[in-house]
Amino acid sequence: MKNPWDWSIASYKGNTVRFGVEWYDKDFFEERKEAYLNPKHTVMYSHFGATVNDFAVVHYLTKEDGTIVSKA
């Protein structure tokens, strides 16, 4: 496996962006799941006039077939 995550899932409609990350390593996920709060990311949000409070972030644990097991 090249990366323990894949963030290529994104869709856009109007001013709404849906962005998904697939994490393939649970320990890596636990370590990095709050990366969107990192100052490097928050600076990017400011270019759009947004803050982390403008985002809804939900983490799900799924089976390999995509079935949701629980919120992480």
PDB file of N, CA and C in Angstrom:
ATOM      1  N   MET A   1       0.839  -1.166   0.000  1.00  0.00           N
ATOM      2  CA  MET A   1       0.000   0.000   0.000  1.00  0.00           C
ATOM      3  C   MET A   1       0.894   1.242   0.000  1.00  0.00           C
ATOM      4  N   LYS A   2       0.649   2.133  -0.944  1.00  0.00           N
ATOM      5  CA  LYS A   2       1.476   3.324  -1.075  1.00  0.00           C
ATOM      6  C   LYS A   2       1.196   4.334   0.042  1.00  0.00           C
ATOM      7  N   ASN A   3      -0.056   4.638   0.306  1.00  0.00           N
ATOM      8  CA  ASN A   3      -0.445   5.574   1.355  1.00  0.00           C
ATOM      9  C   ASN A   3      -1.452   4.907   2.287  1.00  0.00           C
ATOM     10  N   PRO A   4      -1.469   5.288   3.567  1.00  0.00           N
ATOM     11  CA  PRO A   4      -2.473   4.737   4.480  1.00  0.00           C
ATOM     12  C   PRO A   4      -3.807   5.475   4.376  1.00  0.00           C
ATOM     13  N   TRP A   5      -3.960   6.334   3.357  1.00  0.00           N
ATOM     14  CA  TRP A   5      -5.189   7.087   3.153  1.00  0.00           C
ATOM     15  C   TRP A   5      -5.337   7.453   1.683  1.00  0.00           C
ATOM     16  N   ASP A   6      -6.558   7.829   1.298  1.00  0.00           N
ATOM     17  CA  ASP A   6      -6.849   8.294  -0.060  1.00  0.00           C
ATOM     18  C   ASP A   6      -7.850   9.431   0.068  1.00  0.00           C
ATOM     19  N   TRP A   7      -7.517  10.608  -0.435  1.00  0.00           N
ATOM     20  CA  TRP A   7      -8.410  11.749  -0.311  1.00  0.00           C
ATOM     21  C   TRP A   7      -8.923  12.219  -1.660  1.00  0.00           C
ATOM     22  N   SER A   8      -8.961  11.349  -2.631  1.00  0.00           N
ATOM     23  CA  SER A   8      -9.362  11.739  -3.983  1.00  0.00           C
ATOM     24  C   SER A   8     -10.875  11.853  -4.165  1.00  0.00           C
ATOM     25  N   ILE A   9     -11.657  11.495  -3.145  1.00  0.00           N
ATOM     26  CA  ILE A   9     -13.110  11.557  -3.260  1.00  0.00           C
ATOM     27  C   ILE A   9     -13.579  12.974  -2.936  1.00  0.00           C
ATOM     28  N   ALA A  10     -14.052  13.679  -3.942  1.00  0.00           N
ATOM     29  CA  ALA A  10     -14.574  15.031  -3.723  1.00  0.00           C
ATOM     30  C   ALA A  10     -15.674  15.302  -4.738  1.00  0.00           C
ATOM     31  N   SER A  11     -16.684  16.064  -4.324  1.00  0.00           N
ATOM     32  CA  SER A  11     -17.728  16.490  -5.245  1.00  0.00           C
ATOM     33  C   SER A  11     -18.087  17.934  -4.930  1.00  0.00           C
ATOM     34  N   TYR A  12     -18.528  18.640  -5.937  1.00  0.00           N
ATOM     35  CA  TYR A  12     -18.838  20.054  -5.806  1.00  0.00           C
ATOM     36  C   TYR A  12     -20.241  20.317  -6.334  1.00  0.00           C
ATOM     37  N   LYS A  13     -20.998  21.142  -5.642  1.00  0.00           N
ATOM     38  CA  LYS A  13     -22.309  21.582  -6.118  1.00  0.00           C
ATOM     39  C   LYS A  13     -22.527  22.979  -5.560  1.00  0.00           C
ATOM     40  N   GLY A  14     -22.555  23.973  -6.444  1.00  0.00           N
ATOM     41  CA  GLY A  14     -22.670  25.351  -5.985  1.00  0.00           C
ATOM     42  C   GLY A  14     -21.476  25.703  -5.117  1.00  0.00           C
ATOM     43  N   ASN A  15     -21.754  26.195  -3.926  1.00  0.00           N
ATOM     44  CA  ASN A  15     -20.684  26.544  -2.988  1.00  0.00           C
ATOM     45  C   ASN A  15     -20.424  25.447  -1.966  1.00  0.00           C
ATOM     46  N   THR A  16     -20.927  24.255  -2.235  1.00  0.00           N
ATOM     47  CA  THR A  16     -20.748  23.139  -1.309  1.00  0.00           C
ATOM     48  C   THR A  16     -19.715  22.164  -1.859  1.00  0.00           C
ATOM     49  N   VAL A  17     -18.769  21.808  -1.031  1.00  0.00           N
ATOM     50  CA  VAL A  17     -17.759  20.814  -1.397  1.00  0.00           C
ATOM     51  C   VAL A  17     -17.901  19.647  -0.434  1.00  0.00           C
ATOM     52  N   ARG A  18     -18.051  18.458  -0.977  1.00  0.00           N
ATOM     53  CA  ARG A  18     -18.037  17.239  -0.159  1.00  0.00           C
ATOM     54  C   ARG A  18     -16.693  16.578  -0.407  1.00  0.00           C
ATOM     55  N   PHE A  19     -15.999  16.334   0.677  1.00  0.00           N
ATOM     56  CA  PHE A  19     -14.630  15.846   0.587  1.00  0.00           C
ATOM     57  C   PHE A  19     -14.508  14.642   1.494  1.00  0.00           C
ATOM     58  N   GLY A  20     -14.098  13.529   0.944  1.00  0.00           N
ATOM     59  CA  GLY A  20     -13.967  12.320   1.741  1.00  0.00           C
ATOM     60  C   GLY A  20     -12.538  11.818   1.779  1.00  0.00           C
ATOM     61  N   VAL A  21     -12.189  11.238   2.893  1.00  0.00           N
ATOM     62  CA  VAL A  21     -10.884  10.602   3.042  1.00  0.00           C
ATOM     63  C   VAL A  21     -11.122   9.160   3.450  1.00  0.00           C
ATOM     64  N   GLU A  22     -10.499   8.250   2.750  1.00  0.00           N
ATOM     65  CA  GLU A  22     -10.539   6.844   3.138  1.00  0.00           C
ATOM     66  C   GLU A  22      -9.228   6.532   3.840  1.00  0.00           C
ATOM     67  N   TRP A  23      -9.338   6.060   5.060  1.00  0.00           N
ATOM     68  CA  TRP A  23      -8.164   5.726   5.874  1.00  0.00           C
ATOM     69  C   TRP A  23      -8.018   4.205   5.881  1.00  0.00           C
ATOM     70  N   TYR A  24      -6.855   3.714   5.545  1.00  0.00           N
ATOM     71  CA  TYR A  24      -6.628   2.275   5.464  1.00  0.00           C
ATOM     72  C   TYR A  24      -5.874   1.713   6.659  1.00  0.00           C
ATOM     73  N   ASP A  25      -5.480   2.557   7.577  1.00  0.00           N
ATOM     74  CA  ASP A  25      -4.742   2.128   8.758  1.00  0.00           C
ATOM     75  C   ASP A  25      -5.355   2.830   9.963  1.00  0.00           C
ATOM     76  N   LYS A  26      -5.967   2.068  10.865  1.00  0.00           N
ATOM     77  CA  LYS A  26      -6.700   2.671  11.983  1.00  0.00           C
ATOM     78  C   LYS A  26      -5.794   3.487  12.903  1.00  0.00           C
ATOM     79  N   ASP A  27      -4.590   3.026  13.171  1.00  0.00           N
ATOM     80  CA  ASP A  27      -3.678   3.792  14.023  1.00  0.00           C
ATOM     81  C   ASP A  27      -3.317   5.132  13.374  1.00  0.00           C
ATOM     82  N   PHE A  28      -3.069   5.108  12.066  1.00  0.00           N
ATOM     83  CA  PHE A  28      -2.766   6.344  11.346  1.00  0.00           C
ATOM     84  C   PHE A  28      -3.971   7.282  11.383  1.00  0.00           C
ATOM     85  N   PHE A  29      -5.168   6.725  11.215  1.00  0.00           N
ATOM     86  CA  PHE A  29      -6.396   7.516  11.307  1.00  0.00           C
ATOM     87  C   PHE A  29      -6.507   8.191  12.671  1.00  0.00           C
ATOM     88  N   GLU A  30      -6.314   7.423  13.738  1.00  0.00           N
ATOM     89  CA  GLU A  30      -6.426   7.986  15.088  1.00  0.00           C
ATOM     90  C   GLU A  30      -5.423   9.121  15.298  1.00  0.00           C
ATOM     91  N   GLU A  31      -4.257   8.972  14.703  1.00  0.00           N
ATOM     92  CA  GLU A  31      -3.215   9.991  14.834  1.00  0.00           C
ATOM     93  C   GLU A  31      -3.527  11.246  14.016  1.00  0.00           C
ATOM     94  N   ARG A  32      -4.179  11.085  12.858  1.00  0.00           N
ATOM     95  CA  ARG A  32      -4.330  12.197  11.909  1.00  0.00           C
ATOM     96  C   ARG A  32      -5.757  12.669  11.665  1.00  0.00           C
ATOM     97  N   LYS A  33      -6.750  12.076  12.318  1.00  0.00           N
ATOM     98  CA  LYS A  33      -8.144  12.387  11.994  1.00  0.00           C
ATOM     99  C   LYS A  33      -8.532  13.845  12.220  1.00  0.00           C
ATOM    100  N   GLU A  34      -7.786  14.565  13.025  1.00  0.00           N
ATOM    101  CA  GLU A  34      -8.085  15.977  13.274  1.00  0.00           C
ATOM    102  C   GLU A  34      -7.163  16.899  12.471  1.00  0.00           C
ATOM    103  N   ALA A  35      -6.580  16.396  11.398  1.00  0.00           N
ATOM    104  CA  ALA A  35      -5.636  17.183  10.595  1.00  0.00           C
ATOM    105  C   ALA A  35      -6.264  18.457  10.048  1.00  0.00           C
ATOM    106  N   TYR A  36      -7.562  18.446   9.838  1.00  0.00           N
ATOM    107  CA  TYR A  36      -8.226  19.633   9.303  1.00  0.00           C
ATOM    108  C   TYR A  36      -8.143  20.829  10.262  1.00  0.00           C
ATOM    109  N   LEU A  37      -7.789  20.583  11.527  1.00  0.00           N
ATOM    110  CA  LEU A  37      -7.632  21.656  12.510  1.00  0.00           C
ATOM    111  C   LEU A  37      -6.223  22.253  12.500  1.00  0.00           C
ATOM    112  N   ASN A  38      -5.324  21.619  11.767  1.00  0.00           N
ATOM    113  CA  ASN A  38      -3.931  22.055  11.687  1.00  0.00           C
ATOM    114  C   ASN A  38      -3.840  23.447  11.059  1.00  0.00           C
ATOM    115  N   PRO A  39      -2.990  24.322  11.599  1.00  0.00           N
ATOM    116  CA  PRO A  39      -2.851  25.670  11.028  1.00  0.00           C
ATOM    117  C   PRO A  39      -2.565  25.693   9.524  1.00  0.00           C
ATOM    118  N   LYS A  40      -1.857  24.707   9.010  1.00  0.00           N
ATOM    119  CA  LYS A  40      -1.605  24.663   7.567  1.00  0.00           C
ATOM    120  C   LYS A  40      -2.914  24.555   6.787  1.00  0.00           C
ATOM    121  N   HIS A  41      -3.884  23.834   7.350  1.00  0.00           N
ATOM    122  CA  HIS A  41      -5.185  23.711   6.703  1.00  0.00           C
ATOM    123  C   HIS A  41      -6.047  24.947   6.942  1.00  0.00           C
ATOM    124  N   THR A  42      -6.045  25.453   8.164  1.00  0.00           N
ATOM    125  CA  THR A  42      -6.917  26.586   8.474  1.00  0.00           C
ATOM    126  C   THR A  42      -6.540  27.830   7.668  1.00  0.00           C
ATOM    127  N   VAL A  43      -5.270  27.978   7.333  1.00  0.00           N
ATOM    128  CA  VAL A  43      -4.862  29.087   6.467  1.00  0.00           C
ATOM    129  C   VAL A  43      -5.532  28.953   5.097  1.00  0.00           C
ATOM    130  N   MET A  44      -5.608  27.734   4.580  1.00  0.00           N
ATOM    131  CA  MET A  44      -6.266  27.517   3.288  1.00  0.00           C
ATOM    132  C   MET A  44      -7.741  27.907   3.366  1.00  0.00           C
ATOM    133  N   TYR A  45      -8.419  27.559   4.457  1.00  0.00           N
ATOM    134  CA  TYR A  45      -9.837  27.898   4.603  1.00  0.00           C
ATOM    135  C   TYR A  45     -10.038  29.405   4.569  1.00  0.00           C
ATOM    136  N   SER A  46      -9.104  30.144   5.157  1.00  0.00           N
ATOM    137  CA  SER A  46      -9.249  31.600   5.225  1.00  0.00           C
ATOM    138  C   SER A  46      -9.268  32.236   3.834  1.00  0.00           C
ATOM    139  N   HIS A  47      -8.673  31.587   2.849  1.00  0.00           N
ATOM    140  CA  HIS A  47      -8.704  32.100   1.477  1.00  0.00           C
ATOM    141  C   HIS A  47     -10.120  32.092   0.913  1.00  0.00           C
ATOM    142  N   PHE A  48     -10.998  31.286   1.502  1.00  0.00           N
ATOM    143  CA  PHE A  48     -12.396  31.204   1.081  1.00  0.00           C
ATOM    144  C   PHE A  48     -13.321  31.910   2.070  1.00  0.00           C
ATOM    145  N   GLY A  49     -12.725  32.594   3.043  1.00  0.00           N
ATOM    146  CA  GLY A  49     -13.525  33.276   4.052  1.00  0.00           C
ATOM    147  C   GLY A  49     -14.169  32.318   5.035  1.00  0.00           C
ATOM    148  N   ALA A  50     -13.573  31.150   5.221  1.00  0.00           N
ATOM    149  CA  ALA A  50     -14.140  30.122   6.094  1.00  0.00           C
ATOM    150  C   ALA A  50     -13.214  29.841   7.275  1.00  0.00           C
ATOM    151  N   THR A  51     -13.801  29.262   8.307  1.00  0.00           N
ATOM    152  CA  THR A  51     -13.046  28.781   9.466  1.00  0.00           C
ATOM    153  C   THR A  51     -13.455  27.333   9.708  1.00  0.00           C
ATOM    154  N   VAL A  52     -12.783  26.663  10.621  1.00  0.00           N
ATOM    155  CA  VAL A  52     -13.143  25.271  10.924  1.00  0.00           C
ATOM    156  C   VAL A  52     -14.577  25.170  11.433  1.00  0.00           C
ATOM    157  N   ASN A  53     -15.108  26.238  12.003  1.00  0.00           N
ATOM    158  CA  ASN A  53     -16.488  26.214  12.493  1.00  0.00           C
ATOM    159  C   ASN A  53     -17.509  26.145  11.364  1.00  0.00           C
ATOM    160  N   ASP A  54     -17.075  26.385  10.133  1.00  0.00           N
ATOM    161  CA  ASP A  54     -17.965  26.312   8.978  1.00  0.00           C
ATOM    162  C   ASP A  54     -18.066  24.899   8.406  1.00  0.00           C
ATOM    163  N   PHE A  55     -17.324  23.960   8.966  1.00  0.00           N
ATOM    164  CA  PHE A  55     -17.286  22.598   8.445  1.00  0.00           C
ATOM    165  C   PHE A  55     -18.036  21.625   9.347  1.00  0.00           C
ATOM    166  N   ALA A  56     -18.634  20.638   8.722  1.00  0.00           N
ATOM    167  CA  ALA A  56     -19.204  19.510   9.459  1.00  0.00           C
ATOM    168  C   ALA A  56     -18.314  18.311   9.151  1.00  0.00           C
ATOM    169  N   VAL A  57     -17.689  17.757  10.164  1.00  0.00           N
ATOM    170  CA  VAL A  57     -16.782  16.624   9.979  1.00  0.00           C
ATOM    171  C   VAL A  57     -17.363  15.425  10.709  1.00  0.00           C
ATOM    172  N   VAL A  58     -17.545  14.334   9.976  1.00  0.00           N
ATOM    173  CA  VAL A  58     -18.076  13.099  10.550  1.00  0.00           C
ATOM    174  C   VAL A  58     -17.147  11.968  10.141  1.00  0.00           C
ATOM    175  N   HIS A  59     -16.754  11.149  11.095  1.00  0.00           N
ATOM    176  CA  HIS A  59     -15.902   9.993  10.828  1.00  0.00           C
ATOM    177  C   HIS A  59     -16.741   8.728  10.983  1.00  0.00           C
ATOM    178  N   TYR A  60     -16.603   7.815  10.023  1.00  0.00           N
ATOM    179  CA  TYR A  60     -17.309   6.540  10.069  1.00  0.00           C
ATOM    180  C   TYR A  60     -16.314   5.393   9.985  1.00  0.00           C
ATOM    181  N   LEU A  61     -16.586   4.333  10.712  1.00  0.00           N
ATOM    182  CA  LEU A  61     -15.839   3.092  10.591  1.00  0.00           C
ATOM    183  C   LEU A  61     -16.681   2.176   9.711  1.00  0.00           C
ATOM    184  N   THR A  62     -16.093   1.664   8.639  1.00  0.00           N
ATOM    185  CA  THR A  62     -16.838   0.806   7.721  1.00  0.00           C
ATOM    186  C   THR A  62     -16.133  -0.534   7.534  1.00  0.00           C
ATOM    187  N   LYS A  63     -16.916  -1.473   7.051  1.00  0.00           N
ATOM    188  CA  LYS A  63     -16.350  -2.750   6.629  1.00  0.00           C
ATOM    189  C   LYS A  63     -15.740  -2.541   5.248  1.00  0.00           C
ATOM    190  N   GLU A  64     -15.018  -3.528   4.752  1.00  0.00           N
ATOM    191  CA  GLU A  64     -14.389  -3.409   3.436  1.00  0.00           C
ATOM    192  C   GLU A  64     -15.403  -3.191   2.328  1.00  0.00           C
ATOM    193  N   ASP A  65     -16.640  -3.681   2.507  1.00  0.00           N
ATOM    194  CA  ASP A  65     -17.663  -3.503   1.477  1.00  0.00           C
ATOM    195  C   ASP A  65     -18.351  -2.143   1.561  1.00  0.00           C
ATOM    196  N   GLY A  66     -17.926  -1.294   2.503  1.00  0.00           N
ATOM    197  CA  GLY A  66     -18.493   0.039   2.641  1.00  0.00           C
ATOM    198  C   GLY A  66     -19.630   0.147   3.634  1.00  0.00           C
ATOM    199  N   THR A  67     -20.056  -0.972   4.209  1.00  0.00           N
ATOM    200  CA  THR A  67     -21.118  -0.960   5.209  1.00  0.00           C
ATOM    201  C   THR A  67     -20.640  -0.227   6.457  1.00  0.00           C
ATOM    202  N   ILE A  68     -21.439   0.747   6.908  1.00  0.00           N
ATOM    203  CA  ILE A  68     -21.065   1.515   8.099  1.00  0.00           C
ATOM    204  C   ILE A  68     -21.229   0.656   9.346  1.00  0.00           C
ATOM    205  N   VAL A  69     -20.167   0.590  10.138  1.00  0.00           N
ATOM    206  CA  VAL A  69     -20.177  -0.151  11.394  1.00  0.00           C
ATOM    207  C   VAL A  69     -20.569   0.788  12.528  1.00  0.00           C
ATOM    208  N   SER A  70     -19.923   1.967  12.566  1.00  0.00           N
ATOM    209  CA  SER A  70     -20.209   2.944  13.617  1.00  0.00           C
ATOM    210  C   SER A  70     -19.562   4.268  13.262  1.00  0.00           C
ATOM    211  N   LYS A  71     -19.935   5.295  13.985  1.00  0.00           N
ATOM    212  CA  LYS A  71     -19.206   6.554  13.878  1.00  0.00           C
ATOM    213  C   LYS A  71     -17.940   6.388  14.696  1.00  0.00           C
ATOM    214  N   ALA A  72     -16.835   6.870  14.160  1.00  0.00           N
ATOM    215  CA  ALA A  72     -15.543   6.709  14.844  1.00  0.00           C
ATOM    216  C   ALA A  72     -15.300   7.853  15.794  1.00  0.00           C
TER     217      ALA A  72
END
